[in-house]
Amino acid sequence: LGEERDAALKAVLTADQQKEWDSRL
């Protein structure tokens, strides 16, 4: 259930937003 949620959340981001999120981690 958590993995499905994680995938759904990340799918909302654009490629640039995903890159920014990774940098903030």
PDB file of all heavy atoms in Angstrom:
ATOM      1  N   LEU A   1       0.832  -1.200   0.000  1.00  0.00           N
ATOM      2  CA  LEU A   1       0.000   0.000   0.000  1.00  0.00           C
ATOM      3  C   LEU A   1       0.868   1.253   0.000  1.00  0.00           C
ATOM      4  O   LEU A   1       0.595   2.218  -0.726  1.00  0.00           O
ATOM      5  CB  LEU A   1      -0.918  -0.006   1.224  1.00  0.00           C
ATOM      6  CG  LEU A   1      -1.942   1.130   1.321  1.00  0.00           C
ATOM      7  CD1 LEU A   1      -2.907   1.080   0.140  1.00  0.00           C
ATOM      8  CD2 LEU A   1      -2.713   1.027   2.640  1.00  0.00           C
ATOM      9  N   GLY A   2       1.944   1.237   0.794  1.00  0.00           N
ATOM     10  CA  GLY A   2       2.850   2.378   0.843  1.00  0.00           C
ATOM     11  C   GLY A   2       3.587   2.587  -0.466  1.00  0.00           C
ATOM     12  O   GLY A   2       3.771   3.727  -0.909  1.00  0.00           O
ATOM     13  N   GLU A   3       4.001   1.491  -1.091  1.00  0.00           N
ATOM     14  CA  GLU A   3       4.709   1.590  -2.368  1.00  0.00           C
ATOM     15  C   GLU A   3       3.800   2.150  -3.464  1.00  0.00           C
ATOM     16  O   GLU A   3       4.230   2.949  -4.295  1.00  0.00           O
ATOM     17  CB  GLU A   3       5.245   0.216  -2.763  1.00  0.00           C
ATOM     18  CG  GLU A   3       6.395  -0.266  -1.874  1.00  0.00           C
ATOM     19  CD  GLU A   3       6.811  -1.691  -2.164  1.00  0.00           C
ATOM     20  OE1 GLU A   3       6.068  -2.375  -2.935  1.00  0.00           O
ATOM     21  OE2 GLU A   3       7.852  -2.144  -1.653  1.00  0.00           O
ATOM     22  N   GLU A   4       2.538   1.720  -3.450  1.00  0.00           N
ATOM     23  CA  GLU A   4       1.580   2.236  -4.428  1.00  0.00           C
ATOM     24  C   GLU A   4       1.347   3.729  -4.221  1.00  0.00           C
ATOM     25  O   GLU A   4       1.251   4.493  -5.185  1.00  0.00           O
ATOM     26  CB  GLU A   4       0.262   1.468  -4.307  1.00  0.00           C
ATOM     27  CG  GLU A   4       0.357   0.016  -4.755  1.00  0.00           C
ATOM     28  CD  GLU A   4      -0.922  -0.759  -4.489  1.00  0.00           C
ATOM     29  OE1 GLU A   4      -1.795  -0.212  -3.767  1.00  0.00           O
ATOM     30  OE2 GLU A   4      -1.044  -1.895  -4.976  1.00  0.00           O
ATOM     31  N   ARG A   5       1.259   4.130  -2.958  1.00  0.00           N
ATOM     32  CA  ARG A   5       1.087   5.553  -2.639  1.00  0.00           C
ATOM     33  C   ARG A   5       2.301   6.351  -3.100  1.00  0.00           C
ATOM     34  O   ARG A   5       2.154   7.429  -3.702  1.00  0.00           O
ATOM     35  CB  ARG A   5       0.873   5.720  -1.136  1.00  0.00           C
ATOM     36  CG  ARG A   5       0.552   7.131  -0.631  1.00  0.00           C
ATOM     37  CD  ARG A   5       1.777   8.019  -0.410  1.00  0.00           C
ATOM     38  NE  ARG A   5       2.857   7.348   0.256  1.00  0.00           N
ATOM     39  CZ  ARG A   5       3.006   7.320   1.588  1.00  0.00           C
ATOM     40  NH1 ARG A   5       2.130   7.931   2.343  1.00  0.00           N
ATOM     41  NH2 ARG A   5       4.038   6.704   2.128  1.00  0.00           N
ATOM     42  N   ASP A   6       3.491   5.842  -2.821  1.00  0.00           N
ATOM     43  CA  ASP A   6       4.722   6.539  -3.200  1.00  0.00           C
ATOM     44  C   ASP A   6       4.794   6.751  -4.710  1.00  0.00           C
ATOM     45  O   ASP A   6       5.145   7.831  -5.187  1.00  0.00           O
ATOM     46  CB  ASP A   6       5.945   5.746  -2.738  1.00  0.00           C
ATOM     47  CG  ASP A   6       6.086   5.736  -1.226  1.00  0.00           C
ATOM     48  OD1 ASP A   6       5.371   6.512  -0.555  1.00  0.00           O
ATOM     49  OD2 ASP A   6       6.897   4.939  -0.711  1.00  0.00           O
ATOM     50  N   ALA A   7       4.476   5.703  -5.453  1.00  0.00           N
ATOM     51  CA  ALA A   7       4.528   5.788  -6.915  1.00  0.00           C
ATOM     52  C   ALA A   7       3.513   6.799  -7.435  1.00  0.00           C
ATOM     53  O   ALA A   7       3.807   7.576  -8.351  1.00  0.00           O
ATOM     54  CB  ALA A   7       4.266   4.416  -7.528  1.00  0.00           C
ATOM     55  N   ALA A   8       2.314   6.809  -6.825  1.00  0.00           N
ATOM     56  CA  ALA A   8       1.277   7.740  -7.257  1.00  0.00           C
ATOM     57  C   ALA A   8       1.657   9.180  -6.950  1.00  0.00           C
ATOM     58  O   ALA A   8       1.390  10.088  -7.746  1.00  0.00           O
ATOM     59  CB  ALA A   8      -0.050   7.386  -6.581  1.00  0.00           C
ATOM     60  N   LEU A   9       2.292   9.410  -5.812  1.00  0.00           N
ATOM     61  CA  LEU A   9       2.728  10.762  -5.452  1.00  0.00           C
ATOM     62  C   LEU A   9       3.806  11.262  -6.408  1.00  0.00           C
ATOM     63  O   LEU A   9       3.741  12.391  -6.905  1.00  0.00           O
ATOM     64  CB  LEU A   9       3.247  10.786  -4.015  1.00  0.00           C
ATOM     65  CG  LEU A   9       2.220  10.655  -2.889  1.00  0.00           C
ATOM     66  CD1 LEU A   9       2.921  10.518  -1.538  1.00  0.00           C
ATOM     67  CD2 LEU A   9       1.285  11.858  -2.862  1.00  0.00           C
ATOM     68  N   LYS A  10       4.785  10.434  -6.676  1.00  0.00           N
ATOM     69  CA  LYS A  10       5.883  10.842  -7.557  1.00  0.00           C
ATOM     70  C   LYS A  10       5.397  11.082  -8.981  1.00  0.00           C
ATOM     71  O   LYS A  10       5.949  11.928  -9.695  1.00  0.00           O
ATOM     72  CB  LYS A  10       6.972   9.766  -7.553  1.00  0.00           C
ATOM     73  CG  LYS A  10       7.753   9.683  -6.250  1.00  0.00           C
ATOM     74  CD  LYS A  10       8.832   8.615  -6.332  1.00  0.00           C
ATOM     75  CE  LYS A  10       9.633   8.536  -5.039  1.00  0.00           C
ATOM     76  NZ  LYS A  10      10.682   7.480  -5.099  1.00  0.00           N
ATOM     77  N   ALA A  11       4.375  10.342  -9.390  1.00  0.00           N
ATOM     78  CA  ALA A  11       3.860  10.475 -10.755  1.00  0.00           C
ATOM     79  C   ALA A  11       3.242  11.847 -11.006  1.00  0.00           C
ATOM     80  O   ALA A  11       3.108  12.263 -12.159  1.00  0.00           O
ATOM     81  CB  ALA A  11       2.829   9.380 -11.034  1.00  0.00           C
ATOM     82  N   VAL A  12       2.896  12.553  -9.947  1.00  0.00           N
ATOM     83  CA  VAL A  12       2.302  13.883 -10.079  1.00  0.00           C
ATOM     84  C   VAL A  12       3.352  14.916 -10.479  1.00  0.00           C
ATOM     85  O   VAL A  12       3.046  15.916 -11.123  1.00  0.00           O
ATOM     86  CB  VAL A  12       1.615  14.301  -8.757  1.00  0.00           C
ATOM     87  CG1 VAL A  12       1.092  15.738  -8.830  1.00  0.00           C
ATOM     88  CG2 VAL A  12       0.478  13.342  -8.422  1.00  0.00           C
ATOM     89  N   LEU A  13       4.615  14.672 -10.126  1.00  0.00           N
ATOM     90  CA  LEU A  13       5.688  15.632 -10.373  1.00  0.00           C
ATOM     91  C   LEU A  13       6.144  15.617 -11.827  1.00  0.00           C
ATOM     92  O   LEU A  13       6.121  14.586 -12.492  1.00  0.00           O
ATOM     93  CB  LEU A  13       6.892  15.319  -9.476  1.00  0.00           C
ATOM     94  CG  LEU A  13       6.668  15.261  -7.972  1.00  0.00           C
ATOM     95  CD1 LEU A  13       7.988  14.981  -7.266  1.00  0.00           C
ATOM     96  CD2 LEU A  13       6.049  16.551  -7.454  1.00  0.00           C
ATOM     97  N   THR A  14       6.583  16.785 -12.304  1.00  0.00           N
ATOM     98  CA  THR A  14       7.245  16.854 -13.600  1.00  0.00           C
ATOM     99  C   THR A  14       8.684  16.368 -13.427  1.00  0.00           C
ATOM    100  O   THR A  14       9.162  16.178 -12.300  1.00  0.00           O
ATOM    101  CB  THR A  14       7.262  18.289 -14.130  1.00  0.00           C
ATOM    102  OG1 THR A  14       8.089  19.097 -13.261  1.00  0.00           O
ATOM    103  CG2 THR A  14       5.865  18.877 -14.186  1.00  0.00           C
ATOM    104  N   ALA A  15       9.383  16.187 -14.522  1.00  0.00           N
ATOM    105  CA  ALA A  15      10.771  15.735 -14.452  1.00  0.00           C
ATOM    106  C   ALA A  15      11.634  16.735 -13.685  1.00  0.00           C
ATOM    107  O   ALA A  15      12.489  16.357 -12.872  1.00  0.00           O
ATOM    108  CB  ALA A  15      11.322  15.525 -15.864  1.00  0.00           C
ATOM    109  N   ASP A  16      11.420  18.032 -13.925  1.00  0.00           N
ATOM    110  CA  ASP A  16      12.198  19.059 -13.233  1.00  0.00           C
ATOM    111  C   ASP A  16      11.875  19.078 -11.744  1.00  0.00           C
ATOM    112  O   ASP A  16      12.775  19.259 -10.904  1.00  0.00           O
ATOM    113  CB  ASP A  16      11.910  20.436 -13.837  1.00  0.00           C
ATOM    114  CG  ASP A  16      12.544  20.616 -15.207  1.00  0.00           C
ATOM    115  OD1 ASP A  16      13.470  19.844 -15.530  1.00  0.00           O
ATOM    116  OD2 ASP A  16      12.108  21.520 -15.943  1.00  0.00           O
ATOM    117  N   GLN A  17      10.613  18.885 -11.402  1.00  0.00           N
ATOM    118  CA  GLN A  17      10.222  18.868  -9.991  1.00  0.00           C
ATOM    119  C   GLN A  17      10.801  17.649  -9.278  1.00  0.00           C
ATOM    120  O   GLN A  17      11.211  17.734  -8.124  1.00  0.00           O
ATOM    121  CB  GLN A  17       8.698  18.888  -9.857  1.00  0.00           C
ATOM    122  CG  GLN A  17       8.082  20.234 -10.222  1.00  0.00           C
ATOM    123  CD  GLN A  17       6.571  20.165 -10.363  1.00  0.00           C
ATOM    124  OE1 GLN A  17       6.002  19.110 -10.618  1.00  0.00           O
ATOM    125  NE2 GLN A  17       5.914  21.300 -10.195  1.00  0.00           N
ATOM    126  N   GLN A  18      10.823  16.515  -9.982  1.00  0.00           N
ATOM    127  CA  GLN A  18      11.417  15.311  -9.416  1.00  0.00           C
ATOM    128  C   GLN A  18      12.904  15.527  -9.142  1.00  0.00           C
ATOM    129  O   GLN A  18      13.423  15.122  -8.100  1.00  0.00           O
ATOM    130  CB  GLN A  18      11.241  14.135 -10.376  1.00  0.00           C
ATOM    131  CG  GLN A  18      11.866  12.826  -9.896  1.00  0.00           C
ATOM    132  CD  GLN A  18      11.187  12.277  -8.663  1.00  0.00           C
ATOM    133  OE1 GLN A  18      10.013  11.960  -8.695  1.00  0.00           O
ATOM    134  NE2 GLN A  18      11.928  12.156  -7.565  1.00  0.00           N
ATOM    135  N   LYS A  19      13.566  16.200 -10.061  1.00  0.00           N
ATOM    136  CA  LYS A  19      14.985  16.501  -9.878  1.00  0.00           C
ATOM    137  C   LYS A  19      15.199  17.424  -8.678  1.00  0.00           C
ATOM    138  O   LYS A  19      16.126  17.230  -7.879  1.00  0.00           O
ATOM    139  CB  LYS A  19      15.551  17.155 -11.157  1.00  0.00           C
ATOM    140  CG  LYS A  19      17.037  17.432 -11.108  1.00  0.00           C
ATOM    141  CD  LYS A  19      17.522  18.010 -12.435  1.00  0.00           C
ATOM    142  CE  LYS A  19      19.010  18.295 -12.399  1.00  0.00           C
ATOM    143  NZ  LYS A  19      19.496  18.872 -13.689  1.00  0.00           N
ATOM    144  N   GLU A  20      14.331  18.423  -8.538  1.00  0.00           N
ATOM    145  CA  GLU A  20      14.425  19.349  -7.411  1.00  0.00           C
ATOM    146  C   GLU A  20      14.144  18.622  -6.096  1.00  0.00           C
ATOM    147  O   GLU A  20      14.809  18.868  -5.092  1.00  0.00           O
ATOM    148  CB  GLU A  20      13.428  20.499  -7.603  1.00  0.00           C
ATOM    149  CG  GLU A  20      13.388  21.506  -6.463  1.00  0.00           C
ATOM    150  CD  GLU A  20      14.683  22.283  -6.309  1.00  0.00           C
ATOM    151  OE1 GLU A  20      15.472  22.337  -7.280  1.00  0.00           O
ATOM    152  OE2 GLU A  20      14.917  22.831  -5.205  1.00  0.00           O
ATOM    153  N   TRP A  21      13.166  17.731  -6.096  1.00  0.00           N
ATOM    154  CA  TRP A  21      12.841  16.949  -4.898  1.00  0.00           C
ATOM    155  C   TRP A  21      14.032  16.096  -4.471  1.00  0.00           C
ATOM    156  O   TRP A  21      14.395  16.065  -3.291  1.00  0.00           O
ATOM    157  CB  TRP A  21      11.621  16.073  -5.176  1.00  0.00           C
ATOM    158  CG  TRP A  21      11.362  14.980  -4.181  1.00  0.00           C
ATOM    159  CD1 TRP A  21      11.408  13.637  -4.409  1.00  0.00           C
ATOM    160  CD2 TRP A  21      11.017  15.126  -2.797  1.00  0.00           C
ATOM    161  NE1 TRP A  21      11.118  12.937  -3.272  1.00  0.00           N
ATOM    162  CE2 TRP A  21      10.870  13.830  -2.262  1.00  0.00           C
ATOM    163  CE3 TRP A  21      10.819  16.223  -1.969  1.00  0.00           C
ATOM    164  CZ2 TRP A  21      10.544  13.595  -0.925  1.00  0.00           C
ATOM    165  CZ3 TRP A  21      10.488  16.002  -0.637  1.00  0.00           C
ATOM    166  CH2 TRP A  21      10.352  14.710  -0.129  1.00  0.00           C
ATOM    167  N   ASP A  22      14.663  15.432  -5.420  1.00  0.00           N
ATOM    168  CA  ASP A  22      15.831  14.603  -5.114  1.00  0.00           C
ATOM    169  C   ASP A  22      16.966  15.444  -4.531  1.00  0.00           C
ATOM    170  O   ASP A  22      17.666  15.015  -3.608  1.00  0.00           O
ATOM    171  CB  ASP A  22      16.320  13.875  -6.372  1.00  0.00           C
ATOM    172  CG  ASP A  22      15.357  12.794  -6.835  1.00  0.00           C
ATOM    173  OD1 ASP A  22      14.536  12.344  -6.011  1.00  0.00           O
ATOM    174  OD2 ASP A  22      15.416  12.409  -8.025  1.00  0.00           O
ATOM    175  N   SER A  23      17.135  16.662  -5.059  1.00  0.00           N
ATOM    176  CA  SER A  23      18.209  17.523  -4.567  1.00  0.00           C
ATOM    177  C   SER A  23      17.936  17.980  -3.136  1.00  0.00           C
ATOM    178  O   SER A  23      18.858  18.160  -2.343  1.00  0.00           O
ATOM    179  CB  SER A  23      18.395  18.734  -5.482  1.00  0.00           C
ATOM    180  OG  SER A  23      17.311  19.641  -5.359  1.00  0.00           O
ATOM    181  N   ARG A  24      16.661  18.155  -2.809  1.00  0.00           N
ATOM    182  CA  ARG A  24      16.298  18.590  -1.457  1.00  0.00           C
ATOM    183  C   ARG A  24      16.448  17.456  -0.437  1.00  0.00           C
ATOM    184  O   ARG A  24      16.590  17.711   0.753  1.00  0.00           O
ATOM    185  CB  ARG A  24      14.882  19.159  -1.433  1.00  0.00           C
ATOM    186  CG  ARG A  24      14.797  20.508  -2.125  1.00  0.00           C
ATOM    187  CD  ARG A  24      13.427  21.139  -2.058  1.00  0.00           C
ATOM    188  NE  ARG A  24      13.429  22.432  -2.737  1.00  0.00           N
ATOM    189  CZ  ARG A  24      13.813  23.568  -2.193  1.00  0.00           C
ATOM    190  NH1 ARG A  24      14.225  23.579  -0.934  1.00  0.00           N
ATOM    191  NH2 ARG A  24      13.801  24.692  -2.878  1.00  0.00           N
ATOM    192  N   LEU A  25      16.402  16.226  -0.916  1.00  0.00           N
ATOM    193  CA  LEU A  25      16.631  15.097  -0.019  1.00  0.00           C
ATOM    194  C   LEU A  25      18.107  14.965   0.341  1.00  0.00           C
ATOM    195  O   LEU A  25      18.441  14.525   1.445  1.00  0.00           O
ATOM    196  CB  LEU A  25      16.155  13.795  -0.673  1.00  0.00           C
ATOM    197  CG  LEU A  25      14.648  13.622  -0.850  1.00  0.00           C
ATOM    198  CD1 LEU A  25      14.364  12.324  -1.591  1.00  0.00           C
ATOM    199  CD2 LEU A  25      13.929  13.648   0.485  1.00  0.00           C
TER     200      LEU A  25
END
